[in-house]
Amino acid sequence: MQDHHEGCCKHAEHQHEGCCKGEERHHEGCNKEHHHEHGCGHRHGRGGGGGRRQRFFGHGELRLVILDILTRDASHGYELIKAIETLTQGNYTPSPGVIYPTLDFLQDQSLIAIRDEEGGRKQITITEQGLQWLEENQEHLEHIHERIKARCVGFELRKNPQMKRALENFKAVLDLRVNHGDTSEAQIKKIIGIIDRASLDITQLD
């Protein structure tokens, strides 16, 4: 796997695939959880349904989120799953098949420590190396949180029946006019202007 596919880019607003800052040190072992972290986990009814599922996290981003959660408290696998579900307002719940390979990777790279407890549970803590790696990627972590908030707002809007109807009607009209109609360049420019003005009107609402 090429280097630019090994993890998450610190500047993910430009490129979601790539390396977190400092992750060039952690290429070994990445392949084993590469396909898991792209997974969607479970999307519940809030914005879910039978449609195509969206990813909340790009490759490598879940590692940063887990490390950030661990800075506030030691945790267990199930608690991490619930914490991520809470973070995404119930719109995304990572499955064990997503969480545990990611934890294995973080442990292999000495970013977390896992110790056995009574009853067979395993306590997970962030290491000094993990704290350093998290600090190096704070800018990207902030971007992840901003994107999660924006996506959750979108899911909430789609819960409103009238908003859902309006959005579906807009998409249908746009598709019919642009993709299936004989639309000139001048008309396309007018449509773009209408969309831009509507966006501006919405941002200026009190």
Protein backbone atom coordinates (compact mmCIF):
# COMPACT_ATOMS: atom_id res chain seq x y z
CA MET A 1 0.00 0.00 0.00
CA GLN A 2 1.38 3.38 -0.94
CA ASP A 3 2.27 5.86 1.77
CA HIS A 4 -0.50 8.30 0.94
CA HIS A 5 -3.08 5.61 1.76
CA GLU A 6 -1.66 4.87 5.20
CA GLY A 7 -3.95 6.69 7.59
CA CYS A 8 -5.65 10.04 7.67
CA CYS A 9 -4.26 13.28 6.36
CA LYS A 10 -3.82 16.05 8.85
CA HIS A 11 -5.29 18.39 6.27
CA ALA A 12 -8.26 16.21 5.42
CA GLU A 13 -10.26 19.14 4.11
CA HIS A 14 -8.09 18.79 1.03
CA GLN A 15 -7.60 15.02 0.99
CA HIS A 16 -9.27 12.46 3.24
CA GLU A 17 -6.94 9.71 2.17
CA GLY A 18 -3.37 10.05 3.33
CA CYS A 19 -1.28 10.14 6.50
CA CYS A 20 -1.91 11.76 9.81
CA LYS A 21 1.03 13.87 10.80
CA GLY A 22 3.63 11.54 12.21
CA GLU A 23 1.87 8.42 10.97
CA GLU A 24 4.69 7.68 8.59
CA ARG A 25 6.16 6.03 11.69
CA HIS A 26 3.23 3.61 11.83
CA HIS A 27 2.99 2.05 8.39
CA GLU A 28 3.59 -1.49 9.55
CA GLY A 29 0.39 -3.29 10.52
CA CYS A 30 -1.95 -0.77 8.93
CA ASN A 31 -3.20 -3.13 6.26
CA LYS A 32 -4.92 -5.41 8.72
CA GLU A 33 -7.46 -2.78 9.71
CA HIS A 34 -7.53 -0.66 6.58
CA HIS A 35 -10.76 -2.15 5.26
CA HIS A 36 -12.47 -2.06 8.66
CA GLU A 37 -12.10 1.61 9.44
CA HIS A 38 -13.78 2.58 6.20
CA GLY A 39 -16.83 0.65 7.36
CA CYS A 40 -20.03 2.37 8.29
CA GLY A 41 -20.88 0.47 11.45
CA HIS A 42 -24.61 0.80 12.04
CA ARG A 43 -26.82 3.68 11.02
CA HIS A 44 -30.02 3.82 13.03
CA GLY A 45 -33.40 5.19 12.02
CA ARG A 46 -32.32 8.78 12.57
CA GLY A 47 -31.40 9.57 9.01
CA GLY A 48 -30.84 5.93 8.13
CA GLY A 49 -33.38 3.88 6.29
CA GLY A 50 -32.76 1.74 3.29
CA GLY A 51 -30.68 4.29 1.42
CA ARG A 52 -26.97 4.35 0.85
CA ARG A 53 -25.02 4.71 4.08
CA GLN A 54 -22.55 7.53 4.52
CA ARG A 55 -19.24 7.28 6.30
CA PHE A 56 -18.74 9.44 9.33
CA PHE A 57 -14.98 8.87 9.30
CA GLY A 58 -12.37 8.72 6.58
CA HIS A 59 -9.61 6.15 6.80
CA GLY A 60 -7.57 6.68 9.96
CA GLU A 61 -9.90 9.26 11.49
CA LEU A 62 -11.55 6.85 13.91
CA ARG A 63 -8.13 6.35 15.54
CA LEU A 64 -7.95 10.04 16.40
CA VAL A 65 -11.48 10.04 17.79
CA ILE A 66 -10.77 7.01 19.98
CA LEU A 67 -7.56 8.54 21.33
CA ASP A 68 -9.40 11.77 22.07
CA ILE A 69 -12.07 9.89 24.03
CA LEU A 70 -9.38 8.07 25.99
CA THR A 71 -7.82 11.37 27.12
CA ARG A 72 -10.88 11.91 29.30
CA ASP A 73 -10.99 8.48 30.91
CA ALA A 74 -9.82 4.90 30.66
CA SER A 75 -12.38 2.87 28.82
CA HIS A 76 -13.51 -0.50 27.50
CA GLY A 77 -14.46 -1.50 23.97
CA TYR A 78 -18.21 -1.30 24.56
CA GLU A 79 -17.88 2.09 26.27
CA LEU A 80 -15.94 3.42 23.29
CA ILE A 81 -18.71 2.26 20.98
CA LYS A 82 -21.30 4.06 23.11
CA ALA A 83 -19.14 7.20 23.34
CA ILE A 84 -18.87 7.39 19.55
CA GLU A 85 -22.61 6.80 19.24
CA THR A 86 -23.18 9.72 21.63
CA LEU A 87 -20.70 11.91 19.74
CA THR A 88 -22.63 11.36 16.51
CA GLN A 89 -26.00 11.86 18.25
CA GLY A 90 -27.02 8.28 17.58
CA ASN A 91 -26.52 8.52 13.83
CA TYR A 92 -23.50 6.21 13.75
CA THR A 93 -22.63 3.23 15.93
CA PRO A 94 -19.35 1.50 15.05
CA SER A 95 -19.60 -2.27 15.09
CA PRO A 96 -17.15 -4.47 17.02
CA GLY A 97 -15.73 -5.41 13.62
CA VAL A 98 -14.72 -1.76 13.20
CA ILE A 99 -13.65 -0.92 16.77
CA TYR A 100 -11.51 -3.91 17.71
CA PRO A 101 -9.23 -4.02 14.64
CA THR A 102 -8.67 -0.29 15.16
CA LEU A 103 -7.77 -0.90 18.81
CA ASP A 104 -5.41 -3.69 17.74
CA PHE A 105 -3.66 -1.26 15.41
CA LEU A 106 -3.38 1.45 18.08
CA GLN A 107 -1.95 -1.07 20.54
CA ASP A 108 0.53 -2.40 17.97
CA GLN A 109 1.80 1.14 17.49
CA SER A 110 2.05 1.73 21.28
CA LEU A 111 -0.55 4.50 21.11
CA ILE A 112 -2.77 2.73 23.66
CA ALA A 113 -2.25 0.17 26.40
CA ILE A 114 -4.71 -2.65 27.11
CA ARG A 115 -4.66 -4.57 30.38
CA ASP A 116 -6.84 -7.40 31.63
CA GLU A 117 -9.29 -6.81 34.46
CA GLU A 118 -11.27 -9.20 36.60
CA GLY A 119 -14.18 -10.74 34.77
CA GLY A 120 -12.36 -10.83 31.46
CA ARG A 121 -12.81 -7.15 30.65
CA LYS A 122 -9.96 -5.19 29.13
CA GLN A 123 -9.19 -1.64 30.22
CA ILE A 124 -7.91 0.67 27.50
CA THR A 125 -5.74 3.72 28.24
CA ILE A 126 -3.87 6.17 26.05
CA THR A 127 -0.08 6.14 26.29
CA GLU A 128 2.37 9.05 26.28
CA GLN A 129 3.14 8.22 22.67
CA GLY A 130 -0.58 8.29 21.93
CA LEU A 131 -0.94 11.70 23.59
CA GLN A 132 1.93 13.04 21.51
CA TRP A 133 0.45 11.67 18.28
CA LEU A 134 -2.94 13.15 19.18
CA GLU A 135 -1.36 16.53 19.89
CA GLU A 136 0.39 16.47 16.51
CA ASN A 137 -3.00 15.99 14.83
CA GLN A 138 -5.19 18.37 16.86
CA GLU A 139 -6.00 20.48 13.83
CA HIS A 140 -7.34 17.48 11.96
CA LEU A 141 -9.26 16.27 15.03
CA GLU A 142 -11.00 19.65 15.24
CA HIS A 143 -11.93 19.35 11.58
CA ILE A 144 -13.41 15.89 12.23
CA HIS A 145 -15.57 17.22 15.07
CA GLU A 146 -16.78 20.13 12.94
CA ARG A 147 -17.75 17.74 10.15
CA ILE A 148 -19.59 15.45 12.58
CA LYS A 149 -21.62 18.38 13.92
CA ALA A 150 -22.53 19.52 10.42
CA ARG A 151 -23.57 16.03 9.37
CA CYS A 152 -25.69 15.57 12.49
CA VAL A 153 -27.48 18.84 11.72
CA GLY A 154 -28.21 17.49 8.26
CA PHE A 155 -29.68 14.31 9.70
CA GLU A 156 -31.86 16.32 12.08
CA LEU A 157 -33.19 18.44 9.22
CA ARG A 158 -34.11 15.33 7.27
CA LYS A 159 -36.24 14.16 10.20
CA ASN A 160 -38.63 17.06 9.53
CA PRO A 161 -41.23 15.73 7.04
CA GLN A 162 -41.71 19.09 5.33
CA MET A 163 -37.96 19.67 5.06
CA LYS A 164 -37.51 16.17 3.64
CA ARG A 165 -40.29 16.78 1.11
CA ALA A 166 -38.78 20.12 0.08
CA LEU A 167 -35.29 18.66 -0.35
CA GLU A 168 -36.56 15.69 -2.35
CA ASN A 169 -38.64 17.99 -4.54
CA PHE A 170 -35.63 20.25 -5.12
CA LYS A 171 -33.42 17.32 -6.12
CA ALA A 172 -36.10 15.91 -8.44
CA VAL A 173 -36.68 19.24 -10.19
CA LEU A 174 -32.95 19.87 -10.54
CA ASP A 175 -32.34 16.39 -11.94
CA LEU A 176 -35.24 16.69 -14.38
CA ARG A 177 -34.19 20.11 -15.58
CA VAL A 178 -30.41 19.65 -15.81
CA ASN A 179 -29.90 15.97 -16.54
CA HIS A 180 -32.96 15.17 -18.61
CA GLY A 181 -33.85 18.46 -20.21
CA ASP A 182 -32.40 20.45 -23.08
CA THR A 183 -30.76 23.01 -20.83
CA SER A 184 -28.55 25.73 -22.28
CA GLU A 185 -25.43 27.17 -20.64
CA ALA A 186 -27.32 30.39 -19.95
CA GLN A 187 -30.09 28.49 -18.17
CA ILE A 188 -27.56 26.53 -16.11
CA LYS A 189 -25.99 29.82 -14.99
CA LYS A 190 -29.45 31.07 -13.97
CA ILE A 191 -30.07 27.89 -11.97
CA ILE A 192 -26.71 28.27 -10.23
CA GLY A 193 -27.58 31.87 -9.40
CA ILE A 194 -30.92 30.81 -7.90
CA ILE A 195 -29.20 28.20 -5.73
CA ASP A 196 -26.52 30.67 -4.60
CA ARG A 197 -29.14 33.29 -3.69
CA ALA A 198 -31.19 30.74 -1.77
CA SER A 199 -28.09 29.65 0.14
CA LEU A 200 -27.29 33.27 1.00
CA ASP A 201 -30.87 33.92 2.14
CA ILE A 202 -30.71 30.91 4.47
CA THR A 203 -27.39 31.98 6.01
CA GLN A 204 -28.83 35.46 6.70
CA LEU A 205 -31.91 34.21 8.56
CA ASP A 206 -32.21 35.55 12.12
